[in-house]
């Protein structure tokens, strides 16, 4: 059975993240493999559970990832690129429709870097698996905290056992709104 666990002190913005050697696609305990998990899910054309699909036209992981992240950071796009010679994956954050190039995560702040592994893990968790997240609200404004609560409730509705440790009434309000 898959088990996804994200500790409270996740890795902050990193331009390069290591590749993982795991039995299933995972972001790691501190989100250290998030870029690799995104690229792996995309390479395998992973589909997202029906209950988690915000964009009805496509169940592809990438489409749903950007849809859910777009609720937290409007218009966000995530780009990844493998560097197999150094066993790393580069990540960049862009905005849909922007004329400027995507930015390294270090230039975007902690909110995206802390929320991204939560969303990736939730989208990757198979029905019957478990997702444990400590402080999903870290570094997010109140509206995004509510969005994370809605997302986590949706993950639970998709058949994943979700356990959350939070100090945020906004996350709880998001769960209530989703229910």
Protein backbone atom coordinates (compact mmCIF):
# COMPACT_ATOMS: atom_id res chain seq x y z
CA UNK A 1 0.00 0.00 0.00
CA UNK A 2 1.28 3.46 -0.91
CA UNK A 3 2.02 5.87 1.90
CA UNK A 4 2.66 9.57 1.22
CA UNK A 5 3.95 11.64 4.13
CA UNK A 6 5.00 15.30 4.07
CA UNK A 7 6.69 16.73 7.15
CA UNK A 8 6.10 20.29 8.31
CA UNK A 9 9.59 21.45 7.38
CA UNK A 10 9.55 20.80 3.65
CA UNK A 11 12.42 21.83 1.42
CA UNK A 12 12.06 25.40 0.31
CA UNK A 13 12.59 26.75 -3.18
CA UNK A 14 15.24 24.70 -5.02
CA UNK A 15 16.17 25.08 -8.67
CA UNK A 16 17.52 21.52 -8.86
CA UNK A 17 16.07 18.55 -7.00
CA UNK A 18 17.41 15.00 -6.83
CA UNK A 19 15.94 12.04 -8.68
CA UNK A 20 14.51 9.26 -6.52
CA UNK A 21 14.75 5.50 -6.66
CA UNK A 22 11.37 4.48 -5.25
CA UNK A 23 8.77 1.76 -5.66
CA UNK A 24 6.08 4.31 -6.52
CA UNK A 25 6.09 7.98 -7.52
CA UNK A 26 6.48 10.11 -4.40
CA UNK A 27 7.53 13.63 -3.44
CA UNK A 28 9.59 12.32 -0.51
CA UNK A 29 9.07 13.20 3.17
CA UNK A 30 10.19 16.80 2.78
CA UNK A 31 9.09 17.37 -0.83
CA UNK A 32 12.68 16.88 -1.97
CA UNK A 33 11.63 14.75 -4.97
CA UNK A 34 8.68 16.91 -6.12
CA UNK A 35 10.22 17.94 -9.45
CA UNK A 36 11.14 14.32 -10.18
CA UNK A 37 7.64 13.11 -9.23
CA UNK A 38 6.08 15.66 -11.60
CA UNK A 39 8.34 14.67 -14.48
CA UNK A 40 7.85 10.95 -13.78
CA UNK A 41 4.06 11.25 -13.64
CA UNK A 42 4.11 13.20 -16.88
CA UNK A 43 6.41 10.68 -18.59
CA UNK A 44 4.09 7.84 -17.56
CA UNK A 45 0.99 9.79 -18.70
CA UNK A 46 -0.50 9.37 -15.22
CA UNK A 47 -4.23 9.91 -14.94
CA UNK A 48 -5.89 11.57 -11.96
CA UNK A 49 -8.88 10.05 -10.16
CA UNK A 50 -12.24 11.26 -11.49
CA UNK A 51 -13.14 12.88 -8.15
CA UNK A 52 -10.04 15.12 -8.40
CA UNK A 53 -10.55 16.44 -11.91
CA UNK A 54 -11.08 20.19 -12.05
CA UNK A 55 -10.59 20.28 -15.81
CA UNK A 56 -13.26 17.92 -17.19
CA UNK A 57 -11.67 17.60 -20.65
CA UNK A 58 -8.52 15.82 -19.45
CA UNK A 59 -7.59 13.48 -16.63
CA UNK A 60 -3.87 13.89 -17.29
CA UNK A 61 -1.77 14.59 -14.23
CA UNK A 62 -0.15 17.73 -15.70
CA UNK A 63 -3.49 19.32 -16.59
CA UNK A 64 -4.98 18.63 -13.17
CA UNK A 65 -1.80 19.71 -11.34
CA UNK A 66 -1.90 23.13 -12.97
CA UNK A 67 -5.65 23.41 -12.42
CA UNK A 68 -5.35 22.73 -8.68
CA UNK A 69 -2.22 24.86 -8.27
CA UNK A 70 -4.05 27.58 -10.21
CA UNK A 71 -6.57 27.74 -7.39
CA UNK A 72 -3.73 28.58 -5.01
CA UNK A 73 -1.64 30.71 -7.40
CA UNK A 74 -3.72 31.86 -10.38
CA UNK A 75 -2.23 31.04 -13.79
CA UNK A 76 0.74 29.09 -12.46
CA UNK A 77 2.64 26.71 -14.74
CA UNK A 78 5.26 24.20 -13.62
CA UNK A 79 8.14 23.18 -15.89
CA UNK A 80 10.63 20.36 -15.31
CA UNK A 81 13.75 19.22 -17.13
CA UNK A 82 15.94 16.15 -16.47
CA UNK A 83 19.70 16.27 -16.12
CA UNK A 84 20.47 12.56 -15.94
CA UNK A 85 24.25 13.13 -15.99
CA UNK A 86 24.04 14.80 -12.56
CA UNK A 87 20.94 12.87 -11.37
CA UNK A 88 18.86 16.03 -10.91
CA UNK A 89 15.62 17.57 -12.17
CA UNK A 90 15.35 21.30 -12.76
CA UNK A 91 12.08 23.05 -12.00
CA UNK A 92 10.83 26.44 -13.15
CA UNK A 93 7.63 28.33 -12.30
CA UNK A 94 5.82 30.39 -14.91
CA UNK A 95 2.52 32.14 -15.42
CA UNK A 96 0.12 31.15 -18.18
CA UNK A 97 0.19 33.73 -20.98
CA UNK A 98 3.27 35.54 -19.63
CA UNK A 99 5.77 36.92 -22.12
CA UNK A 100 8.70 36.55 -19.72
CA UNK A 101 10.51 33.22 -19.18
CA UNK A 102 9.64 30.97 -16.24
CA UNK A 103 11.49 31.67 -13.02
CA UNK A 104 13.57 29.38 -10.83
CA UNK A 105 11.66 28.41 -7.66
CA UNK A 106 14.09 30.49 -5.57
CA UNK A 107 12.63 33.57 -7.27
CA UNK A 108 9.01 32.68 -6.51
CA UNK A 109 8.93 32.26 -2.75
CA UNK A 110 8.14 29.57 -0.23
CA UNK A 111 4.36 29.37 -0.71
CA UNK A 112 4.53 27.58 -4.06
CA UNK A 113 7.43 25.36 -2.92
CA UNK A 114 5.55 24.29 0.21
CA UNK A 115 2.14 23.80 -1.44
CA UNK A 116 3.36 22.04 -4.59
CA UNK A 117 4.36 18.74 -2.87
CA UNK A 118 0.97 18.67 -1.10
CA UNK A 119 -0.90 18.93 -4.42
CA UNK A 120 1.43 16.54 -6.25
CA UNK A 121 1.19 13.94 -3.47
CA UNK A 122 -2.59 14.23 -3.33
CA UNK A 123 -2.96 13.82 -7.08
CA UNK A 124 -0.61 10.83 -7.12
CA UNK A 125 -2.12 9.02 -4.12
CA UNK A 126 -4.10 6.00 -5.27
CA UNK A 127 -7.48 5.13 -3.77
CA UNK A 128 -6.88 3.03 -0.66
CA UNK A 129 -3.52 4.67 0.05
CA UNK A 130 -2.71 7.13 2.82
CA UNK A 131 -1.64 10.77 2.69
CA UNK A 132 -0.33 12.48 5.83
CA UNK A 133 0.47 16.19 5.64
CA UNK A 134 1.84 18.37 8.41
CA UNK A 135 1.03 22.08 8.18
CA UNK A 136 -0.32 22.26 4.62
CA UNK A 137 -0.99 25.96 5.23
CA UNK A 138 2.66 26.96 5.68
CA UNK A 139 3.62 30.13 3.79
CA UNK A 140 0.20 30.51 2.13
CA UNK A 141 -2.22 33.42 2.36
CA UNK A 142 -5.68 32.68 3.87
CA UNK A 143 -7.43 32.15 0.51
CA UNK A 144 -4.83 29.62 -0.60
CA UNK A 145 -5.05 27.89 2.80
CA UNK A 146 -8.78 27.46 2.20
CA UNK A 147 -7.96 26.09 -1.28
CA UNK A 148 -5.60 23.53 0.25
CA UNK A 149 -8.39 22.43 2.60
CA UNK A 150 -10.76 22.00 -0.35
CA UNK A 151 -8.08 20.04 -2.20
CA UNK A 152 -7.35 17.70 0.73
CA UNK A 153 -11.08 17.05 1.23
CA UNK A 154 -11.31 16.20 -2.49
CA UNK A 155 -8.39 13.78 -2.14
CA UNK A 156 -10.26 12.08 0.71
CA UNK A 157 -13.41 11.94 -1.44
CA UNK A 158 -11.32 10.13 -4.09
CA UNK A 159 -10.75 7.24 -1.66
CA UNK A 160 -7.44 8.24 -0.09
CA UNK A 161 -7.15 8.18 3.69
CA UNK A 162 -6.00 11.73 4.54
CA UNK A 163 -4.55 12.78 7.88
CA UNK A 164 -3.73 16.46 8.36
CA UNK A 165 -2.01 18.30 11.20
CA UNK A 166 -2.83 21.99 10.93
CA UNK A 167 -2.98 25.21 12.94
CA UNK A 168 -5.14 26.93 10.34
CA UNK A 169 -8.85 27.54 10.66
CA UNK A 170 -8.75 28.41 6.94
CA UNK A 171 -7.70 24.84 6.04
CA UNK A 172 -10.55 23.52 8.19
CA UNK A 173 -12.98 25.95 6.56
CA UNK A 174 -11.84 24.65 3.16
CA UNK A 175 -12.63 21.10 4.27
CA UNK A 176 -16.03 22.27 5.49
CA UNK A 177 -16.72 24.03 2.18
CA UNK A 178 -15.79 20.90 0.22
CA UNK A 179 -18.04 18.75 2.42
